[in-house]
C-alpha atoms as a PDB file:
ATOM      1  CA  MET A   1      29.992  15.508 -26.688  1.00  0.00           C
ATOM      2  CA  ALA A   2      26.322  15.244 -27.601  1.00  0.00           C
ATOM      3  CA  GLU A   3      25.554  18.258 -25.435  1.00  0.00           C
ATOM      4  CA  ILE A   4      28.231  20.335 -27.198  1.00  0.00           C
ATOM      5  CA  MET A   5      26.937  19.287 -30.599  1.00  0.00           C
ATOM      6  CA  THR A   6      23.397  20.180 -29.513  1.00  0.00           C
ATOM      7  CA  VAL A   7      24.583  23.689 -28.603  1.00  0.00           C
ATOM      8  CA  LEU A   8      26.402  24.024 -31.906  1.00  0.00           C
ATOM      9  CA  VAL A   9      23.345  22.915 -33.877  1.00  0.00           C
ATOM     10  CA  THR A  10      21.201  25.392 -31.930  1.00  0.00           C
ATOM     11  CA  VAL A  11      23.615  28.244 -32.621  1.00  0.00           C
ATOM     12  CA  ALA A  12      23.716  27.338 -36.318  1.00  0.00           C
ATOM     13  CA  MET A  13      19.906  27.303 -36.382  1.00  0.00           C
ATOM     14  CA  TRP A  14      19.740  30.807 -34.915  1.00  0.00           C
ATOM     15  CA  ILE A  15      22.397  32.159 -37.269  1.00  0.00           C
ATOM     16  CA  VAL A  16      20.564  30.815 -40.322  1.00  0.00           C
ATOM     17  CA  GLY A  17      17.274  32.169 -39.009  1.00  0.00           C
ATOM     18  CA  ALA A  18      18.812  35.620 -38.554  1.00  0.00           C
ATOM     19  CA  MET A  19      20.203  35.460 -42.114  1.00  0.00           C
ATOM     20  CA  GLY A  20      16.678  34.837 -43.371  1.00  0.00           C
ATOM     21  CA  VAL A  21      15.091  37.581 -41.263  1.00  0.00           C
ATOM     22  CA  ILE A  22      17.681  40.095 -42.537  1.00  0.00           C
ATOM     23  CA  GLY A  23      18.354  38.756 -46.025  1.00  0.00           C
ATOM     24  CA  ILE A  24      14.878  38.172 -47.433  1.00  0.00           C
ATOM     25  CA  PRO A  25      13.635  41.772 -46.878  1.00  0.00           C
ATOM     26  CA  LEU A  26      16.976  43.216 -47.923  1.00  0.00           C
ATOM     27  CA  PHE A  27      17.092  41.315 -51.205  1.00  0.00           C
ATOM     28  CA  SER A  28      13.393  41.999 -51.800  1.00  0.00           C
ATOM     29  CA  VAL A  29      14.125  45.722 -51.705  1.00  0.00           C
ATOM     30  CA  GLY A  30      16.952  45.103 -54.170  1.00  0.00           C
ATOM     31  CA  LEU A  31      14.604  43.155 -56.460  1.00  0.00           C
ATOM     32  CA  SER A  32      12.137  46.027 -56.382  1.00  0.00           C
ATOM     33  CA  ALA A  33      14.917  48.443 -57.309  1.00  0.00           C
ATOM     34  CA  SER A  34      16.137  46.176 -60.095  1.00  0.00           C
ATOM     35  CA  LEU A  35      12.671  45.821 -61.564  1.00  0.00           C
ATOM     36  CA  SER A  36      12.189  49.613 -61.521  1.00  0.00           C
ATOM     37  CA  GLY A  37      15.339  50.315 -63.522  1.00  0.00           C
ATOM     38  CA  GLY A  38      17.835  50.426 -60.684  1.00  0.00           C
ATOM     39  CA  ASP A  39      16.346  53.073 -58.439  1.00  0.00           C
ATOM     40  CA  SER A  40      13.628  52.732 -55.763  1.00  0.00           C
ATOM     41  CA  LYS A  41      12.419  54.921 -52.963  1.00  0.00           C
ATOM     42  CA  PHE A  42      10.775  53.601 -49.852  1.00  0.00           C
ATOM     43  CA  PRO A  43      10.049  55.513 -46.639  1.00  0.00           C
ATOM     44  CA  LEU A  44      13.488  56.359 -45.164  1.00  0.00           C
ATOM     45  CA  VAL A  45      15.264  54.199 -47.782  1.00  0.00           C
ATOM     46  CA  ARG A  46      16.538  54.869 -51.271  1.00  0.00           C
ATOM     47  CA  THR A  47      17.772  51.849 -53.151  1.00  0.00           C
ATOM     48  CA  LEU A  48      20.192  52.064 -56.042  1.00  0.00           C
ATOM     49  CA  VAL A  49      20.997  48.831 -57.890  1.00  0.00           C
ATOM     50  CA  ASP A  50      23.371  49.043 -60.841  1.00  0.00           C
ATOM     51  CA  GLY A  51      24.109  46.024 -63.006  1.00  0.00           C
ATOM     52  CA  VAL A  52      22.268  43.425 -60.950  1.00  0.00           C
ATOM     53  CA  LEU A  53      19.539  41.678 -62.881  1.00  0.00           C
ATOM     54  CA  PRO A  54      16.144  40.808 -61.314  1.00  0.00           C
ATOM     55  CA  GLY A  55      16.809  37.094 -61.837  1.00  0.00           C
ATOM     56  CA  GLU A  56      19.825  37.241 -59.538  1.00  0.00           C
ATOM     57  CA  PHE A  57      17.676  38.700 -56.794  1.00  0.00           C
ATOM     58  CA  VAL A  58      14.943  36.149 -57.390  1.00  0.00           C
ATOM     59  CA  LEU A  59      17.468  33.313 -57.081  1.00  0.00           C
ATOM     60  CA  VAL A  60      18.788  34.701 -53.786  1.00  0.00           C
ATOM     61  CA  ILE A  61      15.302  35.363 -52.334  1.00  0.00           C
ATOM     62  CA  VAL A  62      13.901  31.982 -53.250  1.00  0.00           C
ATOM     63  CA  GLY A  63      17.122  30.376 -52.075  1.00  0.00           C
ATOM     64  CA  LEU A  64      16.829  32.033 -48.690  1.00  0.00           C
ATOM     65  CA  ALA A  65      13.089  31.302 -48.530  1.00  0.00           C
ATOM     66  CA  VAL A  66      13.799  27.598 -49.055  1.00  0.00           C
ATOM     67  CA  ILE A  67      17.169  27.125 -47.372  1.00  0.00           C
ATOM     68  CA  VAL A  68      16.416  28.983 -44.137  1.00  0.00           C
ATOM     69  CA  PRO A  69      13.313  26.955 -43.126  1.00  0.00           C
ATOM     70  CA  GLY A  70      14.964  23.814 -44.514  1.00  0.00           C
ATOM     71  CA  VAL A  71      18.100  24.241 -42.389  1.00  0.00           C
ATOM     72  CA  ILE A  72      16.042  25.147 -39.313  1.00  0.00           C
ATOM     73  CA  TYR A  73      13.943  22.005 -39.848  1.00  0.00           C
ATOM     74  CA  ILE A  74      17.079  19.881 -40.263  1.00  0.00           C
ATOM     75  CA  CYS A  75      18.583  21.413 -37.116  1.00  0.00           C
ATOM     76  CA  PHE A  76      15.437  20.587 -35.120  1.00  0.00           C
ATOM     77  CA  GLN A  77      15.645  16.976 -36.289  1.00  0.00           C
ATOM     78  CA  LEU A  78      19.350  16.821 -35.401  1.00  0.00           C
ATOM     79  CA  ARG A  79      18.743  18.310 -31.990  1.00  0.00           C
ATOM     80  CA  HIS A  80      16.193  15.605 -31.225  1.00  0.00           C
ATOM     81  CA  ILE A  81      18.635  12.901 -32.355  1.00  0.00           C
ATOM     82  CA  LEU A  82      21.422  14.446 -30.243  1.00  0.00           C
ATOM     83  CA  LEU A  83      19.128  14.619 -27.183  1.00  0.00           C
ATOM     84  CA  THR A  84      18.456  10.879 -27.443  1.00  0.00           C
ATOM     85  CA  LEU A  85      22.204  10.342 -27.791  1.00  0.00           C
ATOM     86  CA  ALA A  86      22.863  12.447 -24.676  1.00  0.00           C
ATOM     87  CA  GLU A  87      20.283  10.300 -22.806  1.00  0.00           C
ATOM     88  CA  GLY A  88      22.227   7.225 -23.808  1.00  0.00           C
ATOM     89  CA  ASP A  89      19.638   5.631 -26.072  1.00  0.00           C
ATOM     90  CA  PRO A  90      19.855   6.834 -29.686  1.00  0.00           C
ATOM     91  CA  PHE A  91      18.304   3.683 -31.109  1.00  0.00           C
ATOM     92  CA  VAL A  92      14.682   4.787 -30.839  1.00  0.00           C
ATOM     93  CA  PRO A  93      12.179   4.379 -33.699  1.00  0.00           C
ATOM     94  CA  GLU A  94      11.723   8.111 -34.075  1.00  0.00           C
ATOM     95  CA  ASN A  95      15.434   8.680 -34.922  1.00  0.00           C
ATOM     96  CA  ALA A  96      15.102   6.510 -38.028  1.00  0.00           C
ATOM     97  CA  ARG A  97      12.201   8.680 -39.119  1.00  0.00           C
ATOM     98  CA  ARG A  98      14.192  11.830 -38.300  1.00  0.00           C
ATOM     99  CA  LEU A  99      17.071  10.700 -40.535  1.00  0.00           C
ATOM    100  CA  THR A 100      14.589  10.014 -43.336  1.00  0.00           C
ATOM    101  CA  ARG A 101      13.070  13.474 -42.863  1.00  0.00           C
ATOM    102  CA  ILE A 102      16.543  15.101 -43.020  1.00  0.00           C
ATOM    103  CA  GLY A 103      17.361  13.269 -46.273  1.00  0.00           C
ATOM    104  CA  THR A 104      13.993  14.199 -47.731  1.00  0.00           C
ATOM    105  CA  ALA A 105      14.451  17.863 -46.758  1.00  0.00           C
ATOM    106  CA  ILE A 106      17.886  18.050 -48.392  1.00  0.00           C
ATOM    107  CA  ALA A 107      16.591  16.438 -51.558  1.00  0.00           C
ATOM    108  CA  ALA A 108      13.566  18.764 -51.675  1.00  0.00           C
ATOM    109  CA  MET A 109      15.731  21.848 -51.176  1.00  0.00           C
ATOM    110  CA  GLU A 110      18.001  20.826 -54.028  1.00  0.00           C
ATOM    111  CA  LEU A 111      15.054  20.054 -56.408  1.00  0.00           C
ATOM    112  CA  ILE A 112      13.458  23.431 -55.574  1.00  0.00           C
ATOM    113  CA  ARG A 113      16.814  25.142 -56.273  1.00  0.00           C
ATOM    114  CA  ILE A 114      17.083  23.417 -59.672  1.00  0.00           C
ATOM    115  CA  ALA A 115      13.436  24.270 -60.545  1.00  0.00           C
ATOM    116  CA  THR A 116      13.977  27.931 -59.544  1.00  0.00           C
ATOM    117  CA  VAL A 117      17.017  28.221 -61.762  1.00  0.00           C
ATOM    118  CA  MET A 118      15.089  26.701 -64.667  1.00  0.00           C
ATOM    119  CA  VAL A 119      12.198  29.161 -64.209  1.00  0.00           C
ATOM    120  CA  VAL A 120      14.506  32.158 -63.900  1.00  0.00           C
ATOM    121  CA  ARG A 121      16.399  31.080 -67.046  1.00  0.00           C
ATOM    122  CA  ALA A 122      13.064  30.923 -68.895  1.00  0.00           C
ATOM    123  CA  VAL A 123      12.321  34.643 -68.302  1.00  0.00           C
ATOM    124  CA  PRO A 124      14.698  36.571 -70.580  1.00  0.00           C
ATOM    125  CA  SER A 125      14.067  39.939 -68.892  1.00  0.00           C
ATOM    126  CA  PHE A 126      15.233  38.449 -65.581  1.00  0.00           C
ATOM    127  CA  VAL A 127      18.576  37.119 -66.783  1.00  0.00           C
ATOM    128  CA  GLY A 128      19.531  39.086 -69.851  1.00  0.00           C
ATOM    129  CA  ASP A 129      22.747  37.560 -71.221  1.00  0.00           C
ATOM    130  CA  LYS A 130      23.759  36.037 -67.902  1.00  0.00           C
ATOM    131  CA  LEU A 131      22.223  32.541 -67.767  1.00  0.00           C
ATOM    132  CA  PRO A 132      22.629  30.942 -64.384  1.00  0.00           C
ATOM    133  CA  PRO A 133      23.969  27.390 -64.739  1.00  0.00           C
ATOM    134  CA  ILE A 134      21.685  24.450 -64.109  1.00  0.00           C
ATOM    135  CA  SER A 135      23.739  22.046 -62.056  1.00  0.00           C
ATOM    136  CA  THR A 136      23.573  19.702 -59.115  1.00  0.00           C
ATOM    137  CA  GLN A 137      26.168  18.210 -56.861  1.00  0.00           C
ATOM    138  CA  PHE A 138      26.769  14.491 -57.014  1.00  0.00           C
ATOM    139  CA  ILE A 139      28.001  14.479 -53.389  1.00  0.00           C
ATOM    140  CA  LEU A 140      24.682  15.953 -52.243  1.00  0.00           C
ATOM    141  CA  TRP A 141      22.756  13.034 -53.727  1.00  0.00           C
ATOM    142  CA  ILE A 142      25.243  10.559 -52.223  1.00  0.00           C
ATOM    143  CA  SER A 143      24.637  12.223 -48.859  1.00  0.00           C
ATOM    144  CA  VAL A 144      20.878  11.887 -49.246  1.00  0.00           C
ATOM    145  CA  ALA A 145      21.317   8.209 -50.074  1.00  0.00           C
ATOM    146  CA  ALA A 146      23.635   7.796 -47.042  1.00  0.00           C
ATOM    147  CA  LEU A 147      20.968   9.369 -44.798  1.00  0.00           C
ATOM    148  CA  PHE A 148      18.356   6.883 -46.071  1.00  0.00           C
ATOM    149  CA  VAL A 149      20.775   4.002 -45.470  1.00  0.00           C
ATOM    150  CA  LEU A 150      21.524   5.293 -41.938  1.00  0.00           C
ATOM    151  CA  SER A 151      17.815   5.535 -41.378  1.00  0.00           C
ATOM    152  CA  GLN A 152      17.474   1.808 -42.226  1.00  0.00           C
ATOM    153  CA  VAL A 153      20.429   1.033 -39.928  1.00  0.00           C
ATOM    154  CA  PHE A 154      18.667   2.848 -37.053  1.00  0.00           C
ATOM    155  CA  ARG A 155      15.417   0.978 -37.778  1.00  0.00           C
ATOM    156  CA  GLU A 156      17.292  -2.345 -37.651  1.00  0.00           C
ATOM    157  CA  GLY A 157      19.268  -1.271 -34.532  1.00  0.00           C
ATOM    158  CA  THR A 158      15.987  -0.354 -32.836  1.00  0.00           C
ATOM    159  CA  ARG A 159      14.419  -3.683 -33.790  1.00  0.00           C
ATOM    160  CA  LEU A 160      17.489  -5.616 -32.504  1.00  0.00           C
ATOM    161  CA  ARG A 161      17.543  -3.652 -29.265  1.00  0.00           C
ATOM    162  CA  ASP A 162      13.830  -4.279 -28.682  1.00  0.00           C
ATOM    163  CA  GLU A 163      14.324  -7.959 -29.509  1.00  0.00           C
ATOM    164  CA  GLU A 164      17.217  -8.210 -27.061  1.00  0.00           C
ATOM    165  CA  LYS A 165      15.123  -6.634 -24.268  1.00  0.00           C
ATOM    166  CA  MET A 166      12.540  -9.373 -24.774  1.00  0.00           C
ATOM    167  CA  THR A 167      15.083 -12.194 -24.334  1.00  0.00           C
ATOM    168  CA  ILE A 168      15.750 -13.589 -20.926  1.00  0.00           C
END
């Protein structure tokens, strides 16, 4: 099961990476068109953007620039945890640190998202009359807390396993 999950995490990592490689340049061209009044010309490309405000593009670009590396980082951490599980020994000290890193990455991505929305809302020419909502998800913060708790459980499990190995 751990091997299957490792493959799924790897596939998810590649899909998210491809979304970033395609999405960031694409939305950057859209931002350029939006800033120039809705029409931009690049070599071999003409961009027409009607009714989309620059702030919306900024939110998407920053979102992709934060989420893509964040998800890839989380997937790397998960892959390492799954590899130790596949080897039959998930209670290693590094897995506790990996869970803490995953929780920290999720919290950081959410804080950057909130800060970006606040900055975009502060620039009237970026948002016009459409103010993006400033919100957060309670379940996200519960998940971060759960990851920190699981990290402590792994630390204790590792300590108990090491202690048991020392007993005769």
